[in-house]
Amino acid sequence: MKIIGAILGGLVVAGLYFSWGLDWKSVIVLAVVGTVMIQVSHAKDWREIFTVAGSVCLFVAVVGTLLLLIQLFMGEA
């Protein structure tokens, strides 16, 4: 189930990246999607897929935010 969840999370991330690229809008949407997916209560059986996918989305949203902040401050210097 965790492998399927990781694949689903990767597909969501890839879809957003290829649609909007590394942009604030895609990072915010990814964070919202990850938060909604991770709220599946009592991750057992098939629901574990969404919990893992949500965790992947939130992790990538944090990394994307850090990259965008670095670009923002490097552009200012």
PDB file of N, CA and C in Angstrom:
ATOM      1  N   MET A   1       0.814  -1.197   0.000  1.00  0.00           N
ATOM      2  CA  MET A   1       0.000   0.000   0.000  1.00  0.00           C
ATOM      3  C   MET A   1       0.857   1.261   0.000  1.00  0.00           C
ATOM      4  N   LYS A   2       1.989   1.197   0.713  1.00  0.00           N
ATOM      5  CA  LYS A   2       2.855   2.374   0.765  1.00  0.00           C
ATOM      6  C   LYS A   2       3.470   2.662  -0.597  1.00  0.00           C
ATOM      7  N   ILE A   3       3.799   1.631  -1.340  1.00  0.00           N
ATOM      8  CA  ILE A   3       4.376   1.835  -2.670  1.00  0.00           C
ATOM      9  C   ILE A   3       3.343   2.471  -3.592  1.00  0.00           C
ATOM     10  N   ILE A   4       2.118   1.995  -3.531  1.00  0.00           N
ATOM     11  CA  ILE A   4       1.056   2.571  -4.354  1.00  0.00           C
ATOM     12  C   ILE A   4       0.815   4.029  -3.959  1.00  0.00           C
ATOM     13  N   GLY A   5       0.846   4.298  -2.661  1.00  0.00           N
ATOM     14  CA  GLY A   5       0.690   5.677  -2.186  1.00  0.00           C
ATOM     15  C   GLY A   5       1.807   6.580  -2.663  1.00  0.00           C
ATOM     16  N   ALA A   6       3.038   6.062  -2.642  1.00  0.00           N
ATOM     17  CA  ALA A   6       4.174   6.861  -3.115  1.00  0.00           C
ATOM     18  C   ALA A   6       4.042   7.133  -4.615  1.00  0.00           C
ATOM     19  N   ILE A   7       3.572   6.150  -5.359  1.00  0.00           N
ATOM     20  CA  ILE A   7       3.370   6.341  -6.800  1.00  0.00           C
ATOM     21  C   ILE A   7       2.276   7.382  -7.048  1.00  0.00           C
ATOM     22  N   LEU A   8       1.175   7.287  -6.296  1.00  0.00           N
ATOM     23  CA  LEU A   8       0.088   8.255  -6.439  1.00  0.00           C
ATOM     24  C   LEU A   8       0.568   9.668  -6.105  1.00  0.00           C
ATOM     25  N   GLY A   9       1.322   9.801  -5.025  1.00  0.00           N
ATOM     26  CA  GLY A   9       1.879  11.105  -4.665  1.00  0.00           C
ATOM     27  C   GLY A   9       2.807  11.639  -5.741  1.00  0.00           C
ATOM     28  N   GLY A  10       3.631  10.762  -6.302  1.00  0.00           N
ATOM     29  CA  GLY A  10       4.516  11.168  -7.384  1.00  0.00           C
ATOM     30  C   GLY A  10       3.759  11.622  -8.619  1.00  0.00           C
ATOM     31  N   LEU A  11       2.648  10.947  -8.916  1.00  0.00           N
ATOM     32  CA  LEU A  11       1.827  11.345 -10.062  1.00  0.00           C
ATOM     33  C   LEU A  11       1.189  12.713  -9.845  1.00  0.00           C
ATOM     34  N   VAL A  12       0.720  12.965  -8.622  1.00  0.00           N
ATOM     35  CA  VAL A  12       0.130  14.272  -8.315  1.00  0.00           C
ATOM     36  C   VAL A  12       1.192  15.370  -8.446  1.00  0.00           C
ATOM     37  N   VAL A  13       2.361  15.113  -7.888  1.00  0.00           N
ATOM     38  CA  VAL A  13       3.450  16.089  -7.957  1.00  0.00           C
ATOM     39  C   VAL A  13       3.854  16.334  -9.408  1.00  0.00           C
ATOM     40  N   ALA A  14       4.006  15.265 -10.178  1.00  0.00           N
ATOM     41  CA  ALA A  14       4.398  15.406 -11.582  1.00  0.00           C
ATOM     42  C   ALA A  14       3.338  16.163 -12.375  1.00  0.00           C
ATOM     43  N   GLY A  15       2.075  15.862 -12.114  1.00  0.00           N
ATOM     44  CA  GLY A  15       1.000  16.558 -12.818  1.00  0.00           C
ATOM     45  C   GLY A  15       1.010  18.049 -12.561  1.00  0.00           C
ATOM     46  N   LEU A  16       1.191  18.434 -11.309  1.00  0.00           N
ATOM     47  CA  LEU A  16       1.240  19.858 -10.982  1.00  0.00           C
ATOM     48  C   LEU A  16       2.495  20.522 -11.532  1.00  0.00           C
ATOM     49  N   TYR A  17       3.622  19.818 -11.462  1.00  0.00           N
ATOM     50  CA  TYR A  17       4.864  20.410 -11.955  1.00  0.00           C
ATOM     51  C   TYR A  17       4.807  20.623 -13.462  1.00  0.00           C
ATOM     52  N   PHE A  18       4.299  19.634 -14.193  1.00  0.00           N
ATOM     53  CA  PHE A  18       4.238  19.774 -15.649  1.00  0.00           C
ATOM     54  C   PHE A  18       3.140  20.748 -16.077  1.00  0.00           C
ATOM     55  N   SER A  19       2.148  20.973 -15.224  1.00  0.00           N
ATOM     56  CA  SER A  19       1.094  21.937 -15.553  1.00  0.00           C
ATOM     57  C   SER A  19       1.548  23.371 -15.305  1.00  0.00           C
ATOM     58  N   TRP A  20       2.072  23.631 -14.102  1.00  0.00           N
ATOM     59  CA  TRP A  20       2.394  24.994 -13.706  1.00  0.00           C
ATOM     60  C   TRP A  20       3.877  25.238 -13.483  1.00  0.00           C
ATOM     61  N   GLY A  21       4.675  24.214 -13.408  1.00  0.00           N
ATOM     62  CA  GLY A  21       6.096  24.383 -13.118  1.00  0.00           C
ATOM     63  C   GLY A  21       6.311  24.683 -11.640  1.00  0.00           C
ATOM     64  N   LEU A  22       7.509  25.096 -11.308  1.00  0.00           N
ATOM     65  CA  LEU A  22       7.827  25.441  -9.923  1.00  0.00           C
ATOM     66  C   LEU A  22       7.392  26.880  -9.697  1.00  0.00           C
ATOM     67  N   ASP A  23       6.195  27.040  -9.170  1.00  0.00           N
ATOM     68  CA  ASP A  23       5.581  28.343  -8.980  1.00  0.00           C
ATOM     69  C   ASP A  23       4.878  28.328  -7.626  1.00  0.00           C
ATOM     70  N   TRP A  24       4.610  29.507  -7.095  1.00  0.00           N
ATOM     71  CA  TRP A  24       3.934  29.577  -5.801  1.00  0.00           C
ATOM     72  C   TRP A  24       2.549  28.935  -5.858  1.00  0.00           C
ATOM     73  N   LYS A  25       1.864  29.111  -6.976  1.00  0.00           N
ATOM     74  CA  LYS A  25       0.524  28.538  -7.108  1.00  0.00           C
ATOM     75  C   LYS A  25       0.575  27.017  -7.016  1.00  0.00           C
ATOM     76  N   SER A  26       1.536  26.391  -7.671  1.00  0.00           N
ATOM     77  CA  SER A  26       1.621  24.934  -7.629  1.00  0.00           C
ATOM     78  C   SER A  26       2.018  24.432  -6.248  1.00  0.00           C
ATOM     79  N   VAL A  27       2.878  25.173  -5.554  1.00  0.00           N
ATOM     80  CA  VAL A  27       3.274  24.765  -4.199  1.00  0.00           C
ATOM     81  C   VAL A  27       2.087  24.847  -3.240  1.00  0.00           C
ATOM     82  N   ILE A  28       1.295  25.906  -3.353  1.00  0.00           N
ATOM     83  CA  ILE A  28       0.132  26.057  -2.474  1.00  0.00           C
ATOM     84  C   ILE A  28      -0.911  24.975  -2.759  1.00  0.00           C
ATOM     85  N   VAL A  29      -1.177  24.728  -4.042  1.00  0.00           N
ATOM     86  CA  VAL A  29      -2.140  23.672  -4.388  1.00  0.00           C
ATOM     87  C   VAL A  29      -1.636  22.320  -3.910  1.00  0.00           C
ATOM     88  N   LEU A  30      -0.355  22.060  -4.062  1.00  0.00           N
ATOM     89  CA  LEU A  30       0.214  20.798  -3.605  1.00  0.00           C
ATOM     90  C   LEU A  30       0.094  20.651  -2.096  1.00  0.00           C
ATOM     91  N   ALA A  31       0.299  21.726  -1.355  1.00  0.00           N
ATOM     92  CA  ALA A  31       0.156  21.675   0.104  1.00  0.00           C
ATOM     93  C   ALA A  31      -1.292  21.404   0.505  1.00  0.00           C
ATOM     94  N   VAL A  32      -2.236  22.023  -0.190  1.00  0.00           N
ATOM     95  CA  VAL A  32      -3.654  21.794   0.126  1.00  0.00           C
ATOM     96  C   VAL A  32      -4.053  20.360  -0.205  1.00  0.00           C
ATOM     97  N   VAL A  33      -3.636  19.878  -1.370  1.00  0.00           N
ATOM     98  CA  VAL A  33      -3.957  18.499  -1.760  1.00  0.00           C
ATOM     99  C   VAL A  33      -3.331  17.517  -0.776  1.00  0.00           C
ATOM    100  N   GLY A  34      -2.092  17.754  -0.400  1.00  0.00           N
ATOM    101  CA  GLY A  34      -1.428  16.884   0.574  1.00  0.00           C
ATOM    102  C   GLY A  34      -2.119  16.884   1.921  1.00  0.00           C
ATOM    103  N   THR A  35      -2.559  18.055   2.371  1.00  0.00           N
ATOM    104  CA  THR A  35      -3.253  18.148   3.647  1.00  0.00           C
ATOM    105  C   THR A  35      -4.587  17.414   3.614  1.00  0.00           C
ATOM    106  N   VAL A  36      -5.311  17.566   2.531  1.00  0.00           N
ATOM    107  CA  VAL A  36      -6.595  16.879   2.402  1.00  0.00           C
ATOM    108  C   VAL A  36      -6.387  15.367   2.354  1.00  0.00           C
ATOM    109  N   MET A  37      -5.391  14.920   1.604  1.00  0.00           N
ATOM    110  CA  MET A  37      -5.151  13.479   1.480  1.00  0.00           C
ATOM    111  C   MET A  37      -4.684  12.862   2.790  1.00  0.00           C
ATOM    112  N   ILE A  38      -3.905  13.618   3.552  1.00  0.00           N
ATOM    113  CA  ILE A  38      -3.352  13.048   4.781  1.00  0.00           C
ATOM    114  C   ILE A  38      -4.394  12.974   5.903  1.00  0.00           C
ATOM    115  N   GLN A  39      -5.515  13.650   5.734  1.00  0.00           N
ATOM    116  CA  GLN A  39      -6.545  13.659   6.763  1.00  0.00           C
ATOM    117  C   GLN A  39      -7.396  12.395   6.793  1.00  0.00           C
ATOM    118  N   VAL A  40      -7.073  11.417   5.961  1.00  0.00           N
ATOM    119  CA  VAL A  40      -7.792  10.141   5.991  1.00  0.00           C
ATOM    120  C   VAL A  40      -7.512   9.502   7.355  1.00  0.00           C
ATOM    121  N   SER A  41      -8.568   9.287   8.104  1.00  0.00           N
ATOM    122  CA  SER A  41      -8.376   8.827   9.482  1.00  0.00           C
ATOM    123  C   SER A  41      -8.054   7.340   9.531  1.00  0.00           C
ATOM    124  N   HIS A  42      -7.271   6.981  10.514  1.00  0.00           N
ATOM    125  CA  HIS A  42      -6.920   5.592  10.792  1.00  0.00           C
ATOM    126  C   HIS A  42      -6.416   4.895   9.532  1.00  0.00           C
ATOM    127  N   ALA A  43      -5.213   5.245   9.139  1.00  0.00           N
ATOM    128  CA  ALA A  43      -4.645   4.745   7.885  1.00  0.00           C
ATOM    129  C   ALA A  43      -4.420   3.245   7.951  1.00  0.00           C
ATOM    130  N   LYS A  44      -5.391   2.497   7.475  1.00  0.00           N
ATOM    131  CA  LYS A  44      -5.271   1.051   7.340  1.00  0.00           C
ATOM    132  C   LYS A  44      -5.795   0.679   5.964  1.00  0.00           C
ATOM    133  N   ASP A  45      -5.381  -0.452   5.524  1.00  0.00           N
ATOM    134  CA  ASP A  45      -5.870  -1.007   4.271  1.00  0.00           C
ATOM    135  C   ASP A  45      -5.681  -0.004   3.132  1.00  0.00           C
ATOM    136  N   TRP A  46      -6.728   0.239   2.345  1.00  0.00           N
ATOM    137  CA  TRP A  46      -6.624   1.089   1.159  1.00  0.00           C
ATOM    138  C   TRP A  46      -6.459   2.559   1.514  1.00  0.00           C
ATOM    139  N   ARG A  47      -6.864   2.973   2.716  1.00  0.00           N
ATOM    140  CA  ARG A  47      -6.740   4.385   3.097  1.00  0.00           C
ATOM    141  C   ARG A  47      -5.296   4.797   3.326  1.00  0.00           C
ATOM    142  N   GLU A  48      -4.439   3.803   3.567  1.00  0.00           N
ATOM    143  CA  GLU A  48      -3.022   4.094   3.748  1.00  0.00           C
ATOM    144  C   GLU A  48      -2.423   4.687   2.470  1.00  0.00           C
ATOM    145  N   ILE A  49      -2.976   4.336   1.325  1.00  0.00           N
ATOM    146  CA  ILE A  49      -2.501   4.880   0.052  1.00  0.00           C
ATOM    147  C   ILE A  49      -2.600   6.401   0.060  1.00  0.00           C
ATOM    148  N   PHE A  50      -3.742   6.927   0.497  1.00  0.00           N
ATOM    149  CA  PHE A  50      -3.944   8.374   0.490  1.00  0.00           C
ATOM    150  C   PHE A  50      -3.095   9.070   1.543  1.00  0.00           C
ATOM    151  N   THR A  51      -2.882   8.419   2.676  1.00  0.00           N
ATOM    152  CA  THR A  51      -2.045   9.014   3.713  1.00  0.00           C
ATOM    153  C   THR A  51      -0.605   9.145   3.240  1.00  0.00           C
ATOM    154  N   VAL A  52      -0.087   8.094   2.607  1.00  0.00           N
ATOM    155  CA  VAL A  52       1.287   8.143   2.094  1.00  0.00           C
ATOM    156  C   VAL A  52       1.394   9.162   0.955  1.00  0.00           C
ATOM    157  N   ALA A  53       0.410   9.175   0.059  1.00  0.00           N
ATOM    158  CA  ALA A  53       0.426  10.140  -1.047  1.00  0.00           C
ATOM    159  C   ALA A  53       0.373  11.568  -0.516  1.00  0.00           C
ATOM    160  N   GLY A  54      -0.431  11.800   0.513  1.00  0.00           N
ATOM    161  CA  GLY A  54      -0.495  13.128   1.124  1.00  0.00           C
ATOM    162  C   GLY A  54       0.819  13.527   1.760  1.00  0.00           C
ATOM    163  N   SER A  55       1.493  12.576   2.393  1.00  0.00           N
ATOM    164  CA  SER A  55       2.800  12.857   2.988  1.00  0.00           C
ATOM    165  C   SER A  55       3.824  13.221   1.923  1.00  0.00           C
ATOM    166  N   VAL A  56       3.801  12.515   0.802  1.00  0.00           N
ATOM    167  CA  VAL A  56       4.709  12.818  -0.301  1.00  0.00           C
ATOM    168  C   VAL A  56       4.432  14.229  -0.825  1.00  0.00           C
ATOM    169  N   CYS A  57       3.159  14.560  -0.996  1.00  0.00           N
ATOM    170  CA  CYS A  57       2.788  15.886  -1.494  1.00  0.00           C
ATOM    171  C   CYS A  57       3.240  16.987  -0.549  1.00  0.00           C
ATOM    172  N   LEU A  58       3.045  16.786   0.745  1.00  0.00           N
ATOM    173  CA  LEU A  58       3.469  17.801   1.717  1.00  0.00           C
ATOM    174  C   LEU A  58       4.983  17.947   1.746  1.00  0.00           C
ATOM    175  N   PHE A  59       5.698  16.839   1.646  1.00  0.00           N
ATOM    176  CA  PHE A  59       7.159  16.904   1.625  1.00  0.00           C
ATOM    177  C   PHE A  59       7.646  17.701   0.421  1.00  0.00           C
ATOM    178  N   VAL A  60       7.086  17.412  -0.746  1.00  0.00           N
ATOM    179  CA  VAL A  60       7.496  18.125  -1.960  1.00  0.00           C
ATOM    180  C   VAL A  60       7.082  19.595  -1.890  1.00  0.00           C
ATOM    181  N   ALA A  61       5.954  19.894  -1.257  1.00  0.00           N
ATOM    182  CA  ALA A  61       5.534  21.285  -1.096  1.00  0.00           C
ATOM    183  C   ALA A  61       6.528  22.057  -0.236  1.00  0.00           C
ATOM    184  N   VAL A  62       7.027  21.429   0.808  1.00  0.00           N
ATOM    185  CA  VAL A  62       8.020  22.083   1.666  1.00  0.00           C
ATOM    186  C   VAL A  62       9.314  22.313   0.897  1.00  0.00           C
ATOM    187  N   VAL A  63       9.763  21.309   0.162  1.00  0.00           N
ATOM    188  CA  VAL A  63      10.988  21.459  -0.630  1.00  0.00           C
ATOM    189  C   VAL A  63      10.801  22.539  -1.699  1.00  0.00           C
ATOM    190  N   GLY A  64       9.648  22.555  -2.356  1.00  0.00           N
ATOM    191  CA  GLY A  64       9.370  23.574  -3.363  1.00  0.00           C
ATOM    192  C   GLY A  64       9.354  24.970  -2.769  1.00  0.00           C
ATOM    193  N   THR A  65       8.775  25.100  -1.583  1.00  0.00           N
ATOM    194  CA  THR A  65       8.752  26.394  -0.904  1.00  0.00           C
ATOM    195  C   THR A  65      10.163  26.865  -0.581  1.00  0.00           C
ATOM    196  N   LEU A  66      10.994  25.951  -0.099  1.00  0.00           N
ATOM    197  CA  LEU A  66      12.378  26.319   0.202  1.00  0.00           C
ATOM    198  C   LEU A  66      13.126  26.752  -1.055  1.00  0.00           C
ATOM    199  N   LEU A  67      12.915  26.034  -2.155  1.00  0.00           N
ATOM    200  CA  LEU A  67      13.574  26.412  -3.404  1.00  0.00           C
ATOM    201  C   LEU A  67      13.103  27.780  -3.895  1.00  0.00           C
ATOM    202  N   LEU A  68      11.808  28.037  -3.796  1.00  0.00           N
ATOM    203  CA  LEU A  68      11.289  29.330  -4.220  1.00  0.00           C
ATOM    204  C   LEU A  68      11.798  30.467  -3.340  1.00  0.00           C
ATOM    205  N   LEU A  69      11.904  30.220  -2.043  1.00  0.00           N
ATOM    206  CA  LEU A  69      12.453  31.240  -1.142  1.00  0.00           C
ATOM    207  C   LEU A  69      13.921  31.517  -1.447  1.00  0.00           C
ATOM    208  N   ILE A  70      14.675  30.468  -1.738  1.00  0.00           N
ATOM    209  CA  ILE A  70      16.080  30.661  -2.100  1.00  0.00           C
ATOM    210  C   ILE A  70      16.183  31.487  -3.381  1.00  0.00           C
ATOM    211  N   GLN A  71      15.349  31.153  -4.373  1.00  0.00           N
ATOM    212  CA  GLN A  71      15.357  31.926  -5.613  1.00  0.00           C
ATOM    213  C   GLN A  71      14.967  33.377  -5.376  1.00  0.00           C
ATOM    214  N   LEU A  72      14.019  33.591  -4.474  1.00  0.00           N
ATOM    215  CA  LEU A  72      13.561  34.950  -4.168  1.00  0.00           C
ATOM    216  C   LEU A  72      14.681  35.773  -3.571  1.00  0.00           C
ATOM    217  N   PHE A  73      15.405  35.198  -2.602  1.00  0.00           N
ATOM    218  CA  PHE A  73      16.461  35.942  -1.936  1.00  0.00           C
ATOM    219  C   PHE A  73      17.709  36.052  -2.804  1.00  0.00           C
ATOM    220  N   MET A  74      17.982  35.058  -3.651  1.00  0.00           N
ATOM    221  CA  MET A  74      19.142  35.146  -4.547  1.00  0.00           C
ATOM    222  C   MET A  74      18.896  36.207  -5.625  1.00  0.00           C
ATOM    223  N   GLY A  75      17.632  36.373  -6.023  1.00  0.00           N
ATOM    224  CA  GLY A  75      17.306  37.388  -7.020  1.00  0.00           C
ATOM    225  C   GLY A  75      17.408  38.790  -6.459  1.00  0.00           C
ATOM    226  N   GLU A  76      17.199  38.930  -5.147  1.00  0.00           N
ATOM    227  CA  GLU A  76      17.245  40.236  -4.502  1.00  0.00           C
ATOM    228  C   GLU A  76      18.673  40.727  -4.323  1.00  0.00           C
ATOM    229  N   ALA A  77      19.632  39.790  -4.206  1.00  0.00           N
ATOM    230  CA  ALA A  77      21.025  40.166  -3.899  1.00  0.00           C
ATOM    231  C   ALA A  77      21.744  40.773  -5.064  1.00  0.00           C
TER     232      ALA A  77
END
